[in-house]
Amino acid sequence: MIAKSADVLLVGAGAMSTTLGMLLKQLDPNINIVMVERLGHVAHESTDGWNNAGTGHAAYCELNYTPKLPDGSIDTTKAFAINSAFEVSLQFWSYLVKQGALPKPENFIHATPHQSFVWGEANVEFLRKRYAALSQSPQFADMEYSEDPHVLREWMPLILENRDPMEPVAGTRVRYGADVDFGALARNMTHYLQAQDNFELLLNHTVTDLEQDDDGQWQVELENRKTGVERTITSRFVFLGAGGGALPLLQMSGIPEGDGYGGFPVSGQWLVCKKQEIVEKHLAKVYGLAPIGAPPMSVPHLDTRIISGEKALLFGPFAGFTTKFLKQGSILDLPKSLRANNLKSMLSVGKNNMDLTRYLISEAMQSHEERVASLRNFYPDAKDEDWELANAGQRVQIIKKDEASGGKLEFGTEVISSADHTLAALLGASPGASTAVNTMINIVERCFPERLATQEWQQKLKEMVPSYGESLKDNDELMKRVRQYTLSTLELDQ
């Protein structure tokens, strides 16, 4: 048995854990961090480039972030919050680039216009109202809107090819949207961390037990999946950032704040095109409206992707039903997560969401021809032979107790932390990695309050994230200054 002590133990080597590790190392270079990953590589689950859309979620094009209210108005609350959160990520990445802690931006982020596209009179009216509600704010002031097919053909030529000229259409565009290779970003951050003192990365290690001792420290037992060698890490703080694997670890910890939580796993697939004469005609992330009954993660979009320097087009995602919590997980993940304290909420959600379950199953049963037929709603000239199916990552949506219904299903993200702030877990999916920096700063505020109260940490956070402690939504001058800085540094204004 190998024993080691650490100030911080990060479970999972994806976007969340690497971001928290980078934040803490910048705030205190002497902090002792151990990162544990069950796979043999960093960021090969949900964070991997091919396992997510790579959209820098800023709410420029994602129509599900601006739902229509019963009175016909547009709820922009989530859009402004997500936009502000993504700006925090851009600021932190810019700081790391300036410091040489990240390589040139072209290694992990590319300017890719963010566009929305709808057809049909009712949908055009919705997009028109959405544009009017958002564009009056400096956060969305650069958004363009058009119902002119000739203009839209310049923005998204594939989508407007051979479309019915009598069909009402509309689109929006923000030129400086981003395509982010989150896998490359996480691996570059890990590479930097490994070069620092007091940091250790343990690959191929699984957490087998998680228990808090009488002194308030966590005793975390690990097993090397290749050699079988066991070790114990004693840590003052534990972060469970293992994607879909965070829920079983939260349950293993036994903290009362985790009681009643469950997970609803959803798989995903993409149609992928690498035919360069097609790929080169489309430079954008174009989002539409989700089909009725579809979960928010199934909003259809046709995306330019640049992963490890390779350019391709992705369309989807096509959702499916699964019992795995991780892409490289077990079909027993879901049944093993059932507990006495979450059984009622799990059964309630299952009973009240049968339409969703049927939708997911029908998605999984589609043929290649049926999937390409869905693509033709976006790209009328799409041919079956130019596209192939690829599996995306798994997502585990949150199930929690609800007094009214017994249990409710949520599609966002949530941080659960222990009362003594020695353990935190991140559950859920969208908007995920795009808002990782803002989410991890919230964990620092919640779990390291005494350190954060010091002038040293306050000044450092302000240096890393110039808007820290202020509202971008309420400060127009700050919003413009920050955006100019990040667009220039990350070369998104080109």
Protein backbone atom coordinates (compact mmCIF):
# COMPACT_ATOMS: atom_id res chain seq x y z
CA MET A 1 0.00 0.00 0.00
CA ILE A 2 1.40 3.39 -1.08
CA ALA A 3 0.40 6.41 1.03
CA LYS A 4 0.58 10.07 0.06
CA SER A 5 -0.79 13.37 1.36
CA ALA A 6 -2.11 16.27 -0.70
CA ASP A 7 -3.80 19.61 -0.19
CA VAL A 8 -6.13 18.97 -3.12
CA LEU A 9 -7.21 15.77 -4.86
CA LEU A 10 -8.81 16.18 -8.29
CA VAL A 11 -10.72 13.13 -9.52
CA GLY A 12 -10.98 13.12 -13.29
CA ALA A 13 -8.61 14.69 -15.83
CA GLY A 14 -11.10 16.56 -18.01
CA ALA A 15 -11.89 20.22 -18.54
CA MET A 16 -13.26 20.80 -15.03
CA SER A 17 -10.46 19.30 -12.96
CA THR A 18 -7.69 20.75 -15.11
CA THR A 19 -9.29 24.19 -14.89
CA LEU A 20 -9.56 24.00 -11.10
CA GLY A 21 -5.97 22.77 -10.91
CA MET A 22 -4.74 25.68 -13.02
CA LEU A 23 -6.69 28.22 -10.97
CA LEU A 24 -5.36 26.91 -7.67
CA LYS A 25 -1.77 26.69 -8.96
CA GLN A 26 -1.92 30.30 -10.14
CA LEU A 27 -3.33 31.41 -6.79
CA ASP A 28 -0.81 29.39 -4.79
CA PRO A 29 2.15 27.85 -6.64
CA ASN A 30 3.06 25.86 -3.51
CA ILE A 31 -0.28 24.06 -3.18
CA ASN A 32 0.11 20.27 -3.36
CA ILE A 33 -2.23 18.75 -5.95
CA VAL A 34 -2.82 15.15 -7.04
CA MET A 35 -4.96 14.46 -10.12
CA VAL A 36 -6.44 10.98 -10.62
CA GLU A 37 -7.73 9.63 -13.94
CA ARG A 38 -9.21 6.16 -14.53
CA LEU A 39 -8.15 6.10 -18.20
CA GLY A 40 -4.63 6.01 -19.57
CA HIS A 41 -4.94 9.44 -21.18
CA VAL A 42 -6.01 12.93 -20.19
CA ALA A 43 -9.37 14.26 -21.42
CA HIS A 44 -10.49 11.18 -23.35
CA GLU A 45 -14.08 11.06 -22.07
CA SER A 46 -16.59 13.93 -22.35
CA THR A 47 -13.84 16.53 -22.81
CA ASP A 48 -12.34 14.86 -25.87
CA GLY A 49 -12.84 16.86 -29.06
CA TRP A 50 -14.90 14.20 -30.82
CA ASN A 51 -17.13 13.66 -27.77
CA ASN A 52 -18.62 17.16 -27.66
CA ALA A 53 -19.74 19.92 -30.00
CA GLY A 54 -16.72 22.12 -29.30
CA THR A 55 -19.01 25.14 -29.18
CA GLY A 56 -17.79 27.94 -27.00
CA HIS A 57 -21.26 28.37 -25.52
CA ALA A 58 -21.91 32.10 -25.40
CA ALA A 59 -25.68 31.95 -26.13
CA TYR A 60 -25.14 33.65 -29.48
CA CYS A 61 -26.77 30.85 -31.45
CA GLU A 62 -28.19 28.31 -28.98
CA LEU A 63 -31.93 28.89 -29.18
CA ASN A 64 -32.72 26.65 -26.19
CA TYR A 65 -31.10 29.26 -23.92
CA THR A 66 -33.85 31.76 -24.82
CA PRO A 67 -37.19 29.96 -24.40
CA LYS A 68 -40.47 31.58 -25.40
CA LEU A 69 -42.69 32.37 -22.43
CA PRO A 70 -46.47 31.74 -22.38
CA ASP A 71 -47.14 35.41 -23.15
CA GLY A 72 -45.00 35.18 -26.30
CA SER A 73 -42.03 37.13 -24.92
CA ILE A 74 -38.47 35.78 -24.82
CA ASP A 75 -36.77 34.79 -21.57
CA THR A 76 -33.17 36.00 -21.92
CA THR A 77 -32.05 35.29 -18.34
CA LYS A 78 -30.06 32.15 -19.13
CA ALA A 79 -28.54 33.65 -22.28
CA PHE A 80 -27.06 36.61 -20.40
CA ALA A 81 -25.77 34.36 -17.61
CA ILE A 82 -24.08 31.91 -19.99
CA ASN A 83 -22.61 34.72 -22.08
CA SER A 84 -21.09 36.31 -18.97
CA ALA A 85 -19.74 32.95 -17.82
CA PHE A 86 -18.10 32.24 -21.17
CA GLU A 87 -16.47 35.67 -21.10
CA VAL A 88 -14.86 34.59 -17.80
CA SER A 89 -13.39 31.53 -19.56
CA LEU A 90 -12.06 33.69 -22.38
CA GLN A 91 -10.39 36.03 -19.88
CA PHE A 92 -8.68 33.20 -18.02
CA TRP A 93 -7.50 31.52 -21.23
CA SER A 94 -6.18 34.90 -22.43
CA TYR A 95 -4.24 35.31 -19.19
CA LEU A 96 -2.73 31.83 -19.54
CA VAL A 97 -1.72 32.54 -23.15
CA LYS A 98 -0.09 35.82 -22.10
CA GLN A 99 1.79 34.01 -19.32
CA GLY A 100 2.98 31.22 -21.64
CA ALA A 101 1.03 28.64 -19.62
CA LEU A 102 -0.98 27.82 -22.75
CA PRO A 103 0.40 27.61 -26.29
CA LYS A 104 -0.70 29.80 -29.18
CA PRO A 105 -4.50 30.05 -29.37
CA GLU A 106 -4.59 28.22 -32.71
CA ASN A 107 -3.71 25.07 -30.78
CA PHE A 108 -7.06 24.97 -28.99
CA ILE A 109 -9.47 27.67 -30.23
CA HIS A 110 -10.55 29.02 -33.62
CA ALA A 111 -12.77 31.89 -34.72
CA THR A 112 -15.97 30.30 -36.04
CA PRO A 113 -19.10 32.41 -36.57
CA HIS A 114 -22.03 31.43 -34.36
CA GLN A 115 -25.29 31.43 -36.31
CA SER A 116 -28.93 30.51 -35.80
CA PHE A 117 -31.22 29.37 -38.61
CA VAL A 118 -34.96 28.74 -38.63
CA TRP A 119 -37.68 28.24 -41.23
CA GLY A 120 -41.47 28.65 -41.12
CA GLU A 121 -43.41 31.76 -40.16
CA ALA A 122 -43.77 30.96 -36.45
CA ASN A 123 -40.08 30.19 -36.04
CA VAL A 124 -39.06 33.31 -37.96
CA GLU A 125 -41.20 35.37 -35.62
CA PHE A 126 -39.51 33.71 -32.63
CA LEU A 127 -36.02 34.47 -33.95
CA ARG A 128 -37.02 38.06 -34.73
CA LYS A 129 -38.18 38.56 -31.13
CA ARG A 130 -35.07 36.86 -29.78
CA TYR A 131 -32.81 39.17 -31.77
CA ALA A 132 -34.74 42.23 -30.58
CA ALA A 133 -34.50 41.11 -26.94
CA LEU A 134 -30.76 40.37 -27.03
CA SER A 135 -29.23 42.90 -29.42
CA GLN A 136 -30.05 45.95 -27.29
CA SER A 137 -27.39 44.82 -24.80
CA PRO A 138 -23.63 45.38 -25.37
CA GLN A 139 -23.16 41.65 -24.76
CA PHE A 140 -25.07 40.90 -27.98
CA ALA A 141 -24.77 44.23 -29.80
CA ASP A 142 -22.68 42.72 -32.60
CA MET A 143 -25.34 40.16 -33.48
CA GLU A 144 -26.65 40.46 -37.06
CA TYR A 145 -30.13 39.43 -38.19
CA SER A 146 -31.56 38.77 -41.63
CA GLU A 147 -34.58 37.26 -43.34
CA ASP A 148 -33.06 37.82 -46.78
CA PRO A 149 -32.14 34.48 -48.44
CA HIS A 150 -29.37 36.21 -50.42
CA VAL A 151 -27.71 37.45 -47.22
CA LEU A 152 -28.19 34.12 -45.49
CA ARG A 153 -26.63 32.35 -48.49
CA GLU A 154 -23.45 34.37 -47.88
CA TRP A 155 -23.47 33.39 -44.20
CA MET A 156 -24.32 29.69 -44.60
CA PRO A 157 -24.09 28.63 -48.26
CA LEU A 158 -24.65 24.89 -47.72
CA ILE A 159 -27.85 25.49 -45.80
CA LEU A 160 -29.36 27.83 -48.41
CA GLU A 161 -28.48 25.66 -51.42
CA ASN A 162 -31.58 24.52 -53.32
CA ARG A 163 -33.97 25.54 -50.55
CA ASP A 164 -37.57 26.39 -51.40
CA PRO A 165 -37.44 30.14 -52.27
CA MET A 166 -40.98 30.63 -50.99
CA GLU A 167 -40.21 29.26 -47.53
CA PRO A 168 -39.84 31.96 -44.83
CA VAL A 169 -36.32 31.79 -43.35
CA ALA A 170 -34.31 33.82 -40.86
CA GLY A 171 -30.87 33.75 -39.31
CA THR A 172 -28.57 35.51 -36.90
CA ARG A 173 -24.80 35.74 -36.85
CA VAL A 174 -22.05 36.72 -34.45
CA ARG A 175 -18.77 36.71 -36.35
CA TYR A 176 -16.43 36.05 -33.42
CA GLY A 177 -17.95 32.84 -32.10
CA ALA A 178 -15.50 30.11 -31.17
CA ASP A 179 -14.82 26.47 -31.93
CA VAL A 180 -12.92 25.07 -28.95
CA ASP A 181 -10.95 21.84 -28.85
CA PHE A 182 -11.56 21.23 -25.15
CA GLY A 183 -9.51 18.04 -25.25
CA ALA A 184 -6.46 19.93 -26.49
CA LEU A 185 -7.11 22.69 -23.95
CA ALA A 186 -7.25 20.23 -21.03
CA ARG A 187 -4.16 18.36 -22.19
CA ASN A 188 -2.19 21.59 -22.56
CA MET A 189 -3.21 22.70 -19.07
CA THR A 190 -2.20 19.31 -17.67
CA HIS A 191 1.15 19.53 -19.48
CA TYR A 192 1.77 22.86 -17.76
CA LEU A 193 0.74 21.52 -14.36
CA GLN A 194 3.06 18.54 -14.68
CA ALA A 195 5.98 20.93 -15.11
CA GLN A 196 5.18 22.58 -11.75
CA ASP A 197 6.37 21.52 -8.32
CA ASN A 198 3.93 19.71 -6.02
CA PHE A 199 1.74 18.27 -8.76
CA GLU A 200 1.25 14.59 -9.59
CA LEU A 201 -0.89 12.94 -12.27
CA LEU A 202 -1.99 9.35 -11.67
CA LEU A 203 -3.35 7.72 -14.83
CA ASN A 204 -5.08 4.33 -14.92
CA HIS A 205 -6.23 4.76 -11.31
CA THR A 206 -9.75 4.08 -10.05
CA VAL A 207 -11.21 5.39 -6.78
CA THR A 208 -12.32 2.35 -4.75
CA ASP A 209 -13.23 4.08 -1.48
CA LEU A 210 -13.78 7.61 -0.23
CA GLU A 211 -14.12 8.27 3.49
CA GLN A 212 -13.63 11.24 5.80
CA ASP A 213 -11.62 10.65 8.99
CA ASP A 214 -12.12 12.17 12.44
CA ASP A 215 -9.79 15.06 11.58
CA GLY A 216 -11.94 16.06 8.62
CA GLN A 217 -9.47 14.85 6.02
CA TRP A 218 -10.47 12.52 3.19
CA GLN A 219 -8.93 9.08 2.92
CA VAL A 220 -9.21 8.13 -0.76
CA GLU A 221 -8.26 4.61 -1.77
CA LEU A 222 -7.09 4.03 -5.33
CA GLU A 223 -6.25 1.00 -7.42
CA ASN A 224 -4.01 0.94 -10.46
CA ARG A 225 -6.14 -0.67 -13.18
CA LYS A 226 -3.07 -2.14 -14.90
CA THR A 227 -0.94 -3.38 -12.02
CA GLY A 228 -3.49 -3.77 -9.21
CA VAL A 229 -1.24 -1.76 -6.87
CA GLU A 230 -3.28 0.07 -4.22
CA ARG A 231 -2.55 3.44 -2.67
CA THR A 232 -4.19 5.87 -0.29
CA ILE A 233 -4.31 9.62 -0.75
CA THR A 234 -5.00 11.75 2.32
CA SER A 235 -6.35 15.10 1.19
CA ARG A 236 -7.82 18.17 2.83
CA PHE A 237 -10.02 18.87 -0.20
CA VAL A 238 -11.48 16.59 -2.88
CA PHE A 239 -13.07 17.64 -6.15
CA LEU A 240 -15.15 15.09 -8.06
CA GLY A 241 -14.96 16.28 -11.66
CA ALA A 242 -15.31 12.91 -13.33
CA GLY A 243 -18.16 13.74 -15.72
CA GLY A 244 -20.80 11.02 -15.62
CA GLY A 245 -18.63 9.19 -13.08
CA ALA A 246 -19.08 11.97 -10.49
CA LEU A 247 -22.46 10.71 -9.26
CA PRO A 248 -21.26 7.26 -8.06
CA LEU A 249 -18.29 8.96 -6.38
CA LEU A 250 -20.58 11.47 -4.67
CA GLN A 251 -22.68 8.57 -3.40
CA MET A 252 -19.51 6.79 -2.23
CA SER A 253 -18.51 9.86 -0.18
CA GLY A 254 -21.66 9.58 1.91
CA ILE A 255 -22.07 13.33 2.43
CA PRO A 256 -25.71 14.13 3.30
CA GLU A 257 -25.80 16.94 0.73
CA GLY A 258 -25.66 14.24 -1.98
CA ASP A 259 -28.73 12.37 -0.74
CA GLY A 260 -31.53 12.00 -3.26
CA TYR A 261 -29.47 12.75 -6.34
CA GLY A 262 -29.68 10.42 -9.30
CA GLY A 263 -28.70 10.46 -12.93
CA PHE A 264 -30.43 10.03 -16.29
CA PRO A 265 -27.78 8.97 -18.84
CA VAL A 266 -28.10 10.01 -22.49
CA SER A 267 -25.82 8.91 -25.30
CA GLY A 268 -25.05 10.91 -28.42
CA GLN A 269 -23.95 10.42 -32.02
CA TRP A 270 -22.80 12.68 -34.84
CA LEU A 271 -22.92 12.57 -38.60
CA VAL A 272 -19.40 13.48 -39.72
CA CYS A 273 -18.25 14.74 -43.12
CA LYS A 274 -14.55 15.02 -43.99
CA LYS A 275 -15.00 15.53 -47.74
CA GLN A 276 -12.99 18.72 -48.19
CA GLU A 277 -14.98 20.19 -51.11
CA ILE A 278 -18.00 20.18 -48.76
CA VAL A 279 -16.15 21.08 -45.56
CA GLU A 280 -14.56 24.17 -47.13
CA LYS A 281 -17.97 25.62 -48.07
CA HIS A 282 -19.09 25.91 -44.45
CA LEU A 283 -17.37 27.94 -41.75
CA ALA A 284 -19.83 28.32 -38.89
CA LYS A 285 -21.72 26.70 -36.07
CA VAL A 286 -25.37 26.88 -37.12
CA TYR A 287 -27.98 25.98 -34.49
CA GLY A 288 -31.68 25.38 -35.07
CA LEU A 289 -34.68 24.57 -32.90
CA ALA A 290 -34.98 21.24 -31.11
CA PRO A 291 -37.78 18.89 -32.20
CA ILE A 292 -40.82 18.83 -29.90
CA GLY A 293 -40.15 16.42 -27.02
CA ALA A 294 -36.38 16.41 -27.51
CA PRO A 295 -34.02 17.19 -24.61
CA PRO A 296 -32.08 20.48 -24.81
CA MET A 297 -28.85 18.63 -25.63
CA SER A 298 -30.49 17.46 -28.89
CA VAL A 299 -30.72 20.92 -30.46
CA PRO A 300 -29.66 20.22 -34.07
CA HIS A 301 -26.61 22.03 -35.37
CA LEU A 302 -24.23 21.89 -38.32
CA ASP A 303 -20.75 22.65 -37.05
CA THR A 304 -17.31 23.38 -38.35
CA ARG A 305 -14.87 21.47 -36.14
CA ILE A 306 -11.09 21.71 -36.01
CA ILE A 307 -9.65 18.91 -33.88
CA SER A 308 -5.90 18.27 -33.75
CA GLY A 309 -5.62 20.45 -36.85
CA GLU A 310 -8.15 18.36 -38.81
CA LYS A 311 -11.17 20.18 -40.21
CA ALA A 312 -14.54 18.44 -40.50
CA LEU A 313 -18.28 19.05 -40.39
CA LEU A 314 -20.50 17.57 -37.69
CA PHE A 315 -24.27 17.40 -37.63
CA GLY A 316 -26.35 16.30 -34.69
CA PRO A 317 -26.34 15.29 -32.00
CA PHE A 318 -28.60 12.29 -32.29
CA ALA A 319 -29.54 11.27 -28.77
CA GLY A 320 -30.01 7.72 -27.57
CA PHE A 321 -30.96 5.80 -24.46
CA THR A 322 -28.18 4.16 -22.48
CA THR A 323 -27.49 2.86 -18.99
CA LYS A 324 -23.80 3.86 -19.10
CA PHE A 325 -22.63 6.92 -17.21
CA LEU A 326 -19.39 7.13 -19.22
CA LYS A 327 -18.57 6.33 -22.83
CA GLN A 328 -16.06 3.80 -21.53
CA GLY A 329 -18.33 2.83 -18.66
CA SER A 330 -20.54 -0.15 -17.79
CA ILE A 331 -24.15 -0.94 -18.65
CA LEU A 332 -24.57 -1.49 -14.91
CA ASP A 333 -23.81 2.16 -14.08
CA LEU A 334 -27.47 3.19 -13.89
CA PRO A 335 -28.80 0.26 -11.83
CA LYS A 336 -25.81 0.48 -9.47
CA SER A 337 -26.65 4.14 -8.79
CA LEU A 338 -30.06 3.31 -7.28
CA ARG A 339 -30.26 4.03 -3.56
CA ALA A 340 -33.02 4.10 -0.98
CA ASN A 341 -32.72 7.90 -0.84
CA ASN A 342 -33.05 8.43 -4.61
CA LEU A 343 -35.32 5.58 -5.65
CA LYS A 344 -38.52 7.63 -5.35
CA SER A 345 -37.16 10.53 -7.40
CA MET A 346 -35.69 8.16 -10.01
CA LEU A 347 -38.98 6.26 -10.42
CA SER A 348 -40.95 9.50 -10.51
CA VAL A 349 -38.79 10.93 -13.27
CA GLY A 350 -39.04 7.67 -15.20
CA LYS A 351 -42.82 7.70 -14.93
CA ASN A 352 -43.23 11.38 -15.81
CA ASN A 353 -40.80 11.36 -18.75
CA MET A 354 -41.96 8.39 -20.80
CA ASP A 355 -42.24 10.59 -23.89
CA LEU A 356 -38.57 11.51 -23.51
CA THR A 357 -37.59 7.86 -23.08
CA ARG A 358 -39.53 6.88 -26.19
CA TYR A 359 -37.91 9.75 -28.08
CA LEU A 360 -34.42 8.62 -27.08
CA ILE A 361 -35.11 5.03 -28.06
CA SER A 362 -36.53 6.12 -31.43
CA GLU A 363 -33.43 8.25 -32.01
CA ALA A 364 -31.18 5.28 -31.29
CA MET A 365 -33.14 3.06 -33.70
CA GLN A 366 -32.82 5.42 -36.69
CA SER A 367 -31.12 4.20 -39.86
CA HIS A 368 -28.30 6.09 -41.56
CA GLU A 369 -30.73 7.19 -44.26
CA GLU A 370 -33.13 8.59 -41.65
CA ARG A 371 -30.37 10.55 -39.95
CA VAL A 372 -29.22 12.06 -43.24
CA ALA A 373 -32.87 12.93 -43.98
CA SER A 374 -32.84 15.00 -40.76
CA LEU A 375 -29.65 16.66 -41.95
CA ARG A 376 -31.39 17.66 -45.19
CA ASN A 377 -33.64 19.99 -43.17
CA PHE A 378 -30.42 21.97 -42.70
CA TYR A 379 -28.45 21.02 -45.79
CA PRO A 380 -30.87 20.10 -48.59
CA ASP A 381 -28.19 18.66 -50.91
CA ALA A 382 -26.67 16.29 -48.32
CA LYS A 383 -25.86 12.83 -49.75
CA ASP A 384 -25.86 9.64 -47.67
CA GLU A 385 -22.41 8.55 -48.86
CA ASP A 386 -20.68 11.79 -47.78
CA TRP A 387 -21.48 11.31 -44.10
CA GLU A 388 -20.57 8.66 -41.54
CA LEU A 389 -21.81 8.02 -38.02
CA ALA A 390 -19.56 8.65 -35.01
CA ASN A 391 -20.27 8.14 -31.33
CA ALA A 392 -20.14 11.19 -29.09
CA GLY A 393 -19.69 11.25 -25.32
CA GLN A 394 -22.16 10.26 -22.63
CA ARG A 395 -24.08 12.86 -20.64
CA VAL A 396 -25.73 12.22 -17.27
CA GLN A 397 -28.58 14.63 -16.57
CA ILE A 398 -29.41 15.46 -12.96
CA ILE A 399 -32.32 13.87 -11.12
CA LYS A 400 -33.17 15.34 -7.73
CA LYS A 401 -35.95 15.31 -5.17
CA ASP A 402 -39.03 17.43 -5.73
CA GLU A 403 -41.83 17.74 -3.19
CA ALA A 404 -44.52 18.33 -5.80
CA SER A 405 -43.71 15.55 -8.27
CA GLY A 406 -41.43 13.26 -6.25
CA GLY A 407 -38.48 13.91 -8.54
CA LYS A 408 -37.42 16.23 -11.33
CA LEU A 409 -35.06 16.01 -14.28
CA GLU A 410 -32.70 18.92 -14.91
CA PHE A 411 -30.53 19.61 -17.94
CA GLY A 412 -28.04 22.07 -16.48
CA THR A 413 -25.05 21.68 -14.17
CA GLU A 414 -24.90 21.82 -10.39
CA VAL A 415 -22.16 21.86 -7.79
CA ILE A 416 -22.83 19.87 -4.62
CA SER A 417 -20.47 20.53 -1.73
CA SER A 418 -20.19 19.23 1.81
CA ALA A 419 -21.16 21.45 4.73
CA ASP A 420 -17.52 21.74 5.82
CA HIS A 421 -16.45 22.62 2.25
CA THR A 422 -13.90 19.79 2.07
CA LEU A 423 -15.55 18.04 -0.89
CA ALA A 424 -17.29 19.30 -4.02
CA ALA A 425 -18.81 17.43 -6.95
CA LEU A 426 -20.00 18.68 -10.32
CA LEU A 427 -23.05 16.99 -11.79
CA GLY A 428 -24.88 17.56 -15.07
CA ALA A 429 -23.98 18.52 -18.61
CA SER A 430 -24.73 21.66 -20.69
CA PRO A 431 -23.17 24.21 -20.98
CA GLY A 432 -20.34 22.24 -19.42
CA ALA A 433 -16.74 22.97 -20.39
CA SER A 434 -17.50 26.39 -21.88
CA THR A 435 -18.29 27.80 -18.46
CA ALA A 436 -15.71 25.73 -16.56
CA VAL A 437 -13.70 28.72 -15.34
CA ASN A 438 -16.71 30.50 -13.86
CA THR A 439 -17.89 27.26 -12.23
CA MET A 440 -14.47 26.51 -10.77
CA ILE A 441 -14.13 30.07 -9.43
CA ASN A 442 -17.44 29.50 -7.67
CA ILE A 443 -15.96 26.36 -6.09
CA VAL A 444 -12.90 28.34 -4.96
CA GLU A 445 -15.23 30.93 -3.38
CA ARG A 446 -17.28 28.26 -1.66
CA CYS A 447 -14.54 25.88 -0.52
CA PHE A 448 -11.52 28.17 0.06
CA PRO A 449 -13.21 31.22 1.66
CA GLU A 450 -10.40 32.05 4.09
CA ARG A 451 -7.70 31.98 1.41
CA LEU A 452 -9.88 33.94 -0.99
CA ALA A 453 -10.43 36.63 1.64
CA THR A 454 -6.73 37.49 1.52
CA GLN A 455 -5.59 40.45 -0.54
CA GLU A 456 -3.10 38.21 -2.36
CA TRP A 457 -5.77 35.86 -3.77
CA GLN A 458 -8.16 38.72 -4.52
CA GLN A 459 -5.53 40.58 -6.53
CA LYS A 460 -4.45 37.46 -8.38
CA LEU A 461 -8.00 36.56 -9.35
CA LYS A 462 -8.53 40.09 -10.63
CA GLU A 463 -5.34 39.79 -12.66
CA MET A 464 -6.46 36.49 -14.19
CA VAL A 465 -10.08 37.54 -14.74
CA PRO A 466 -10.31 41.36 -15.01
CA SER A 467 -14.10 41.31 -14.64
CA TYR A 468 -13.96 39.31 -11.40
CA GLY A 469 -16.35 40.71 -8.80
CA GLU A 470 -18.19 42.88 -11.32
CA SER A 471 -21.20 42.37 -13.58
CA LEU A 472 -20.54 42.40 -17.31
CA LYS A 473 -24.26 42.75 -17.88
CA ASP A 474 -24.44 45.96 -15.86
CA ASN A 475 -21.13 47.58 -16.85
CA ASP A 476 -21.06 48.43 -20.55
CA GLU A 477 -17.56 49.93 -20.53
CA LEU A 478 -16.08 46.91 -18.75
CA MET A 479 -17.88 44.56 -21.15
CA LYS A 480 -16.42 46.29 -24.21
CA ARG A 481 -12.92 46.50 -22.74
CA VAL A 482 -12.84 42.84 -21.68
CA ARG A 483 -14.19 41.61 -25.01
CA GLN A 484 -11.66 43.63 -26.99
CA TYR A 485 -8.87 42.14 -24.86
CA THR A 486 -9.98 38.52 -25.19
CA LEU A 487 -10.85 38.65 -28.89
CA SER A 488 -7.45 40.14 -29.67
CA THR A 489 -5.43 37.82 -27.41
CA LEU A 490 -7.18 34.64 -28.55
CA GLU A 491 -7.20 35.80 -32.20
CA LEU A 492 -10.97 35.52 -32.45
CA ASP A 493 -11.27 38.91 -34.14
CA GLN A 494 -9.60 37.70 -37.33
